[in-house]
């Protein structure tokens, strides 16, 4: 037998190499094509096979159901964008029970929480709770507490500075993620409720106005804080003052977190002795939505002792007569009618006031005693 020529051997090797390369390319193309088709099919249908039946993975619940824990990793910019989304359809395609969002702005502990738990008892589904504490604070509520895992991502907030208003916006934005929240009330760790939950709920849900304090103070602590460089966005005739502790409806909550017109002006030109938490929201809402605010707060405070902060009440101050006086402190307008119920909450109460407050929670405040 004649040995194969070198030329013939090289030809055979070239053919085999070409076939191998072709098989490799075909294999890669086929695998990539199948993977690509798989991605396309998943992207188009978003279907999973469960027991052989196509089941959609994108449904309404993914938009309206929220985790039980409000913690998340969104930035404020991302949070405010997500929370400010508004549907142009006037009705909800699901059963919606309007809730009141109770937003606690605190440095840390909530020493009066046992009183609040008694207030909320038996009313699940009609309220939600959000707590903005200083970063790093770890609460110690038990699993059965309504305050368990209700803390939101936070940033430092200092009295009189813009980051205080930013903390309030952050609370509103987190609460707006829940489509069922209709009314939003800002509270502190020293606040107490003055009436049972059904009274507070009905009062807020049925109100045609939001309860934002807004008045003209011609003195040095009012218009005297106005900076002419805030014009033309804010004229001195539009400058308002009001309580930090507001209550707003959903539409105004969205306006507050969406504002880019007034925020820069107040951040730059309202600094101590101009206290931005007393002027920013009252002025902005008076300019933009005057017919939607009542011009008053629903939180009672006592300024009769003078100074930069209202009076604080401790254990020795809490009597039946004192609480009844606070509840009936003044007359007001509610939905165009005169009302004897004007104030739903009160502050400031020291931690040692808890014991007598619990003692009077049923007989004076009207909470369930169980």
Protein backbone atom coordinates (compact mmCIF):
# COMPACT_ATOMS: atom_id res chain seq x y z
CA UNK A 1 0.00 0.00 0.00
CA UNK A 2 1.27 3.45 -0.92
CA UNK A 3 1.50 5.93 2.01
CA UNK A 4 -0.72 9.00 1.77
CA UNK A 5 0.85 12.07 0.29
CA UNK A 6 1.40 15.08 2.63
CA UNK A 7 -0.92 17.20 0.46
CA UNK A 8 -3.76 14.67 0.81
CA UNK A 9 -3.30 14.47 4.62
CA UNK A 10 -3.47 18.24 4.96
CA UNK A 11 -6.66 18.31 2.90
CA UNK A 12 -8.32 15.73 5.14
CA UNK A 13 -7.28 17.63 8.28
CA UNK A 14 -8.65 20.90 6.83
CA UNK A 15 -11.99 19.25 6.07
CA UNK A 16 -12.22 17.80 9.60
CA UNK A 17 -11.29 21.15 11.18
CA UNK A 18 -13.89 22.94 9.07
CA UNK A 19 -16.58 20.45 10.09
CA UNK A 20 -15.64 20.88 13.76
CA UNK A 21 -15.73 24.66 13.52
CA UNK A 22 -19.08 24.53 11.74
CA UNK A 23 -20.56 22.29 14.42
CA UNK A 24 -19.28 24.63 17.14
CA UNK A 25 -20.79 27.73 15.48
CA UNK A 26 -24.08 25.93 14.89
CA UNK A 27 -24.15 24.81 18.51
CA UNK A 28 -23.50 28.31 19.83
CA UNK A 29 -26.07 29.88 17.53
CA UNK A 30 -28.70 27.28 18.40
CA UNK A 31 -28.12 27.66 22.14
CA UNK A 32 -28.15 31.46 21.93
CA UNK A 33 -31.25 31.45 19.78
CA UNK A 34 -33.11 29.18 22.15
CA UNK A 35 -32.04 31.30 25.15
CA UNK A 36 -33.04 34.49 23.31
CA UNK A 37 -36.39 33.01 22.37
CA UNK A 38 -36.89 32.00 25.98
CA UNK A 39 -36.21 35.57 27.16
CA UNK A 40 -38.50 37.02 24.50
CA UNK A 41 -41.30 34.64 25.39
CA UNK A 42 -40.96 35.44 29.10
CA UNK A 43 -40.81 39.18 28.42
CA UNK A 44 -43.86 39.05 26.17
CA UNK A 45 -46.08 36.73 28.17
CA UNK A 46 -44.77 36.95 31.76
CA UNK A 47 -46.35 33.52 32.19
CA UNK A 48 -45.26 30.64 34.41
CA UNK A 49 -46.48 27.10 34.02
CA UNK A 50 -48.19 25.83 37.14
CA UNK A 51 -49.57 22.33 36.79
CA UNK A 52 -49.50 22.79 33.04
CA UNK A 53 -51.73 25.90 33.16
CA UNK A 54 -50.42 29.35 32.13
CA UNK A 55 -50.50 31.61 35.21
CA UNK A 56 -49.83 35.37 34.90
CA UNK A 57 -47.08 36.67 37.16
CA UNK A 58 -48.03 40.35 36.76
CA UNK A 59 -51.39 41.17 38.31
CA UNK A 60 -53.08 44.00 40.21
CA UNK A 61 -51.93 42.74 43.59
CA UNK A 62 -48.33 43.50 42.67
CA UNK A 63 -49.33 47.18 42.44
CA UNK A 64 -51.60 47.51 45.45
CA UNK A 65 -50.20 45.00 47.96
CA UNK A 66 -47.28 46.21 50.04
CA UNK A 67 -44.91 44.31 52.32
CA UNK A 68 -45.82 44.42 56.01
CA UNK A 69 -42.47 46.11 56.72
CA UNK A 70 -42.16 49.60 55.13
CA UNK A 71 -38.35 49.51 55.04
CA UNK A 72 -36.85 49.71 51.53
CA UNK A 73 -33.65 50.71 49.73
CA UNK A 74 -35.03 53.53 47.56
CA UNK A 75 -33.38 56.94 47.62
CA UNK A 76 -35.55 59.95 48.45
CA UNK A 77 -35.58 60.89 44.77
CA UNK A 78 -36.79 57.41 43.79
CA UNK A 79 -39.28 57.31 46.66
CA UNK A 80 -40.82 60.70 45.88
CA UNK A 81 -41.12 59.82 42.19
CA UNK A 82 -42.84 56.52 42.96
CA UNK A 83 -45.12 58.04 45.61
CA UNK A 84 -46.22 60.94 43.40
CA UNK A 85 -47.67 58.71 40.66
CA UNK A 86 -51.34 59.57 40.24
CA UNK A 87 -54.03 57.64 38.39
CA UNK A 88 -56.26 59.69 36.09
CA UNK A 89 -59.07 57.16 36.54
CA UNK A 90 -61.37 58.42 39.28
CA UNK A 91 -62.44 55.01 40.61
CA UNK A 92 -60.44 52.12 42.00
CA UNK A 93 -60.64 48.66 40.34
CA UNK A 94 -60.52 46.98 43.76
CA UNK A 95 -62.32 47.23 47.07
CA UNK A 96 -60.71 50.19 48.79
CA UNK A 97 -61.37 51.07 52.41
CA UNK A 98 -59.93 54.56 53.01
CA UNK A 99 -57.41 54.62 55.84
CA UNK A 100 -55.86 57.30 58.02
CA UNK A 101 -52.05 57.27 58.05
CA UNK A 102 -50.63 58.16 61.46
CA UNK A 103 -47.10 59.47 60.91
CA UNK A 104 -44.86 59.75 63.97
CA UNK A 105 -41.87 62.09 63.68
CA UNK A 106 -39.64 61.20 66.61
CA UNK A 107 -36.02 61.17 67.71
CA UNK A 108 -36.29 57.63 69.05
CA UNK A 109 -38.64 55.97 71.55
CA UNK A 110 -42.41 56.39 71.65
CA UNK A 111 -42.95 56.45 75.43
CA UNK A 112 -46.72 56.91 75.13
CA UNK A 113 -47.23 53.98 72.74
CA UNK A 114 -49.35 51.93 75.23
CA UNK A 115 -51.97 54.71 75.11
CA UNK A 116 -51.89 54.70 71.30
CA UNK A 117 -52.23 50.92 71.21
CA UNK A 118 -55.37 51.21 73.32
CA UNK A 119 -56.61 53.89 70.88
CA UNK A 120 -56.01 51.66 67.81
CA UNK A 121 -57.31 48.44 69.39
CA UNK A 122 -60.07 46.77 67.39
CA UNK A 123 -59.77 49.00 64.32
CA UNK A 124 -57.40 47.06 62.06
CA UNK A 125 -57.82 47.90 58.38
CA UNK A 126 -58.75 51.54 59.00
CA UNK A 127 -55.34 52.95 59.85
CA UNK A 128 -51.66 52.61 59.05
CA UNK A 129 -48.61 53.69 61.06
CA UNK A 130 -45.25 55.12 59.98
CA UNK A 131 -42.38 56.08 62.29
CA UNK A 132 -39.47 58.34 61.30
CA UNK A 133 -36.76 58.11 63.98
CA UNK A 134 -33.12 59.10 63.92
CA UNK A 135 -30.97 56.83 61.73
CA UNK A 136 -29.63 53.86 63.62
CA UNK A 137 -32.36 53.83 66.26
CA UNK A 138 -33.64 50.29 66.86
CA UNK A 139 -37.13 50.10 68.42
CA UNK A 140 -38.10 47.33 70.81
CA UNK A 141 -41.77 46.77 70.08
CA UNK A 142 -43.15 43.25 70.46
CA UNK A 143 -44.52 41.35 67.46
CA UNK A 144 -48.11 41.96 68.59
CA UNK A 145 -47.66 45.73 68.80
CA UNK A 146 -49.21 47.91 66.07
CA UNK A 147 -45.84 49.71 66.00
CA UNK A 148 -43.87 46.53 65.23
CA UNK A 149 -41.77 47.01 62.06
CA UNK A 150 -43.39 50.35 61.18
CA UNK A 151 -40.15 52.34 61.05
CA UNK A 152 -39.22 53.86 57.67
CA UNK A 153 -35.79 54.70 56.22
CA UNK A 154 -34.75 58.00 57.77
CA UNK A 155 -32.27 60.87 57.73
CA UNK A 156 -31.28 63.29 60.52
CA UNK A 157 -33.90 65.96 61.23
CA UNK A 158 -33.20 69.07 63.30
CA UNK A 159 -35.74 71.56 64.59
CA UNK A 160 -35.88 74.74 62.53
CA UNK A 161 -33.92 73.31 59.58
CA UNK A 162 -35.07 72.18 56.15
CA UNK A 163 -34.26 68.55 56.92
CA UNK A 164 -37.19 68.63 59.36
CA UNK A 165 -39.58 69.35 56.47
CA UNK A 166 -37.76 66.73 54.40
CA UNK A 167 -38.46 64.19 57.13
CA UNK A 168 -42.15 65.13 57.00
CA UNK A 169 -42.12 64.73 53.21
CA UNK A 170 -40.42 61.35 53.65
CA UNK A 171 -43.20 60.21 55.97
CA UNK A 172 -45.84 61.39 53.49
CA UNK A 173 -44.11 59.66 50.59
CA UNK A 174 -43.86 56.33 52.39
CA UNK A 175 -47.51 56.56 53.41
CA UNK A 176 -48.56 57.43 49.84
CA UNK A 177 -47.20 54.09 48.63
CA UNK A 178 -50.31 52.56 50.18
CA UNK A 179 -53.18 53.37 47.82
CA UNK A 180 -55.68 53.00 50.66
CA UNK A 181 -54.27 55.85 52.73
CA UNK A 182 -56.57 58.84 52.24
CA UNK A 183 -55.75 61.15 55.16
CA UNK A 184 -52.32 61.83 56.65
CA UNK A 185 -51.72 63.19 60.14
CA UNK A 186 -48.31 64.24 61.50
CA UNK A 187 -47.64 63.47 65.17
CA UNK A 188 -44.73 63.51 67.60
CA UNK A 189 -43.70 61.17 70.40
CA UNK A 190 -45.33 63.58 72.87
CA UNK A 191 -48.77 63.58 71.20
CA UNK A 192 -51.89 61.89 72.53
CA UNK A 193 -55.32 61.25 70.98
CA UNK A 194 -58.22 63.08 72.66
CA UNK A 195 -61.12 61.02 71.29
CA UNK A 196 -61.76 57.35 70.49
CA UNK A 197 -60.65 56.07 67.10
CA UNK A 198 -64.13 56.02 65.43
CA UNK A 199 -64.61 59.72 66.21
CA UNK A 200 -61.17 60.67 64.86
CA UNK A 201 -61.58 58.49 61.76
CA UNK A 202 -65.02 59.86 60.87
CA UNK A 203 -63.93 63.46 61.50
CA UNK A 204 -60.95 63.21 59.15
CA UNK A 205 -62.37 60.98 56.42
CA UNK A 206 -65.54 63.04 56.05
CA UNK A 207 -63.83 66.44 56.17
CA UNK A 208 -63.91 68.54 53.01
CA UNK A 209 -60.77 70.37 54.10
CA UNK A 210 -57.29 69.53 55.30
CA UNK A 211 -56.17 70.80 58.68
CA UNK A 212 -53.14 72.97 58.08
CA UNK A 213 -52.55 75.96 60.32
CA UNK A 214 -52.16 79.11 58.22
CA UNK A 215 -52.48 82.68 59.43
CA UNK A 216 -50.95 86.13 58.97
CA UNK A 217 -48.61 87.19 61.77
CA UNK A 218 -47.58 90.81 61.19
CA UNK A 219 -45.03 90.75 64.01
CA UNK A 220 -41.31 89.95 64.10
CA UNK A 221 -41.96 86.21 64.45
CA UNK A 222 -44.22 86.18 61.39
CA UNK A 223 -43.71 88.58 58.50
CA UNK A 224 -40.54 89.72 60.21
CA UNK A 225 -38.99 86.44 59.06
CA UNK A 226 -39.81 87.00 55.40
CA UNK A 227 -36.85 87.45 53.05
CA UNK A 228 -37.55 89.62 49.96
CA UNK A 229 -35.29 87.34 47.93
CA UNK A 230 -38.09 84.75 48.03
CA UNK A 231 -39.96 86.80 45.43
CA UNK A 232 -41.46 86.38 42.91
CA UNK A 233 -42.44 82.84 44.00
CA UNK A 234 -43.48 84.12 47.43
CA UNK A 235 -44.59 87.70 48.05
CA UNK A 236 -44.78 89.09 51.59
CA UNK A 237 -48.57 89.32 51.27
CA UNK A 238 -48.62 85.53 50.78
CA UNK A 239 -46.35 84.75 53.73
CA UNK A 240 -48.06 82.54 56.30
CA UNK A 241 -47.29 80.93 59.63
CA UNK A 242 -48.77 77.79 61.10
CA UNK A 243 -48.32 74.77 63.33
CA UNK A 244 -45.87 72.12 62.24
CA UNK A 245 -48.40 69.41 63.13
CA UNK A 246 -50.65 69.16 60.08
CA UNK A 247 -53.26 66.81 58.65
CA UNK A 248 -53.80 66.60 54.89
CA UNK A 249 -55.81 64.73 52.31
CA UNK A 250 -54.13 62.55 49.69
CA UNK A 251 -54.11 65.16 46.92
CA UNK A 252 -52.30 67.71 49.09
CA UNK A 253 -49.86 65.07 50.36
CA UNK A 254 -48.85 64.48 46.74
CA UNK A 255 -48.48 68.22 46.17
CA UNK A 256 -46.20 68.52 49.20
CA UNK A 257 -43.78 65.80 48.14
CA UNK A 258 -43.84 66.95 44.48
CA UNK A 259 -43.00 70.60 45.11
CA UNK A 260 -39.98 71.96 43.27
CA UNK A 261 -41.15 75.57 42.99
CA UNK A 262 -41.11 76.71 46.62
CA UNK A 263 -38.67 74.22 48.14
CA UNK A 264 -35.47 75.92 46.82
CA UNK A 265 -36.63 79.33 48.04
CA UNK A 266 -37.43 78.15 51.56
CA UNK A 267 -34.26 76.06 51.79
CA UNK A 268 -32.05 79.01 50.85
CA UNK A 269 -33.83 81.97 52.41
CA UNK A 270 -35.72 80.62 55.46
CA UNK A 271 -33.09 79.79 58.04
CA UNK A 272 -33.08 80.51 61.79
CA UNK A 273 -34.44 82.77 63.11
CA UNK A 274 -36.84 81.87 60.27
CA UNK A 275 -38.11 78.40 61.19
CA UNK A 276 -39.01 76.66 57.97
CA UNK A 277 -41.36 74.07 59.53
CA UNK A 278 -43.64 76.94 60.62
CA UNK A 279 -43.79 78.62 57.19
CA UNK A 280 -43.04 76.34 54.23
CA UNK A 281 -46.18 74.19 53.98
CA UNK A 282 -48.63 76.84 55.31
CA UNK A 283 -47.39 79.36 52.75
CA UNK A 284 -47.19 76.96 49.81
CA UNK A 285 -50.66 75.49 50.39
CA UNK A 286 -52.19 78.93 50.96
CA UNK A 287 -50.88 80.01 47.56
CA UNK A 288 -51.65 76.82 45.64
CA UNK A 289 -54.76 75.34 47.34
CA UNK A 290 -56.36 77.92 49.65
CA UNK A 291 -59.84 76.39 49.35
CA UNK A 292 -58.62 72.97 50.50
CA UNK A 293 -57.18 73.96 53.88
CA UNK A 294 -59.08 74.94 57.02
CA UNK A 295 -56.38 77.32 58.24
CA UNK A 296 -56.24 75.52 61.60
CA UNK A 297 -54.59 72.48 63.12
CA UNK A 298 -56.35 69.63 64.92
CA UNK A 299 -53.53 69.32 67.47
CA UNK A 300 -53.79 71.26 70.73
CA UNK A 301 -50.74 72.94 72.28
CA UNK A 302 -50.31 75.38 75.15
CA UNK A 303 -48.17 78.46 74.44
CA UNK A 304 -49.32 80.35 77.53
CA UNK A 305 -46.02 79.88 79.36
CA UNK A 306 -44.05 81.71 76.64
CA UNK A 307 -40.73 80.73 75.10
CA UNK A 308 -39.71 78.96 71.91
CA UNK A 309 -41.49 75.72 72.77
CA UNK A 310 -44.98 74.94 74.08
CA UNK A 311 -45.63 73.72 77.61
CA UNK A 312 -44.90 70.10 78.53
CA UNK A 313 -47.30 68.29 80.86
CA UNK A 314 -46.18 65.63 83.29
CA UNK A 315 -47.79 63.20 85.69
CA UNK A 316 -48.86 65.87 88.17
CA UNK A 317 -50.72 67.86 85.50
CA UNK A 318 -52.97 65.06 84.27
CA UNK A 319 -56.39 65.25 85.89
CA UNK A 320 -59.90 64.59 84.68
CA UNK A 321 -60.66 68.33 84.68
CA UNK A 322 -57.51 69.11 82.69
CA UNK A 323 -58.29 66.58 79.95
CA UNK A 324 -61.91 67.71 79.68
CA UNK A 325 -60.78 71.31 79.36
CA UNK A 326 -58.39 70.43 76.53
CA UNK A 327 -61.10 68.53 74.65
CA UNK A 328 -63.53 71.45 74.84
CA UNK A 329 -61.04 74.27 74.42
CA UNK A 330 -62.75 76.15 71.56
CA UNK A 331 -65.42 76.34 68.87
CA UNK A 332 -64.67 76.02 65.16
CA UNK A 333 -66.08 75.51 61.69
CA UNK A 334 -66.27 71.98 60.29
CA UNK A 335 -67.64 71.43 56.78
CA UNK A 336 -69.34 74.82 56.90
CA UNK A 337 -71.06 74.18 60.26
CA UNK A 338 -70.17 75.23 63.79
CA UNK A 339 -68.65 72.36 65.73
CA UNK A 340 -67.66 71.71 69.34
CA UNK A 341 -65.10 69.12 68.22
CA UNK A 342 -62.08 71.00 66.91
CA UNK A 343 -59.04 69.29 68.38
CA UNK A 344 -58.37 65.58 67.94
CA UNK A 345 -54.84 65.38 69.39
CA UNK A 346 -52.77 67.21 72.00
CA UNK A 347 -49.13 67.74 72.93
CA UNK A 348 -46.66 67.94 74.68
CA UNK A 349 -46.88 65.14 77.24
CA UNK A 350 -43.90 63.82 79.15
CA UNK A 351 -43.21 60.06 79.45
CA UNK A 352 -44.26 60.06 83.12
CA UNK A 353 -47.74 61.23 82.08
CA UNK A 354 -48.49 57.76 80.70
CA UNK A 355 -49.84 56.25 83.93
CA UNK A 356 -52.59 58.84 84.59
CA UNK A 357 -53.39 59.02 80.86
CA UNK A 358 -54.06 55.28 80.83
CA UNK A 359 -56.15 55.68 83.96
CA UNK A 360 -58.40 58.23 82.23
CA UNK A 361 -58.28 56.61 78.77
CA UNK A 362 -61.68 54.98 79.17
CA UNK A 363 -63.61 57.37 81.42
CA UNK A 364 -62.47 60.66 79.80
CA UNK A 365 -60.89 59.84 76.43
CA UNK A 366 -63.47 57.15 75.61
CA UNK A 367 -61.10 54.35 74.53
CA UNK A 368 -61.94 50.67 74.89
CA UNK A 369 -60.95 49.52 78.36
CA UNK A 370 -60.12 45.95 77.31
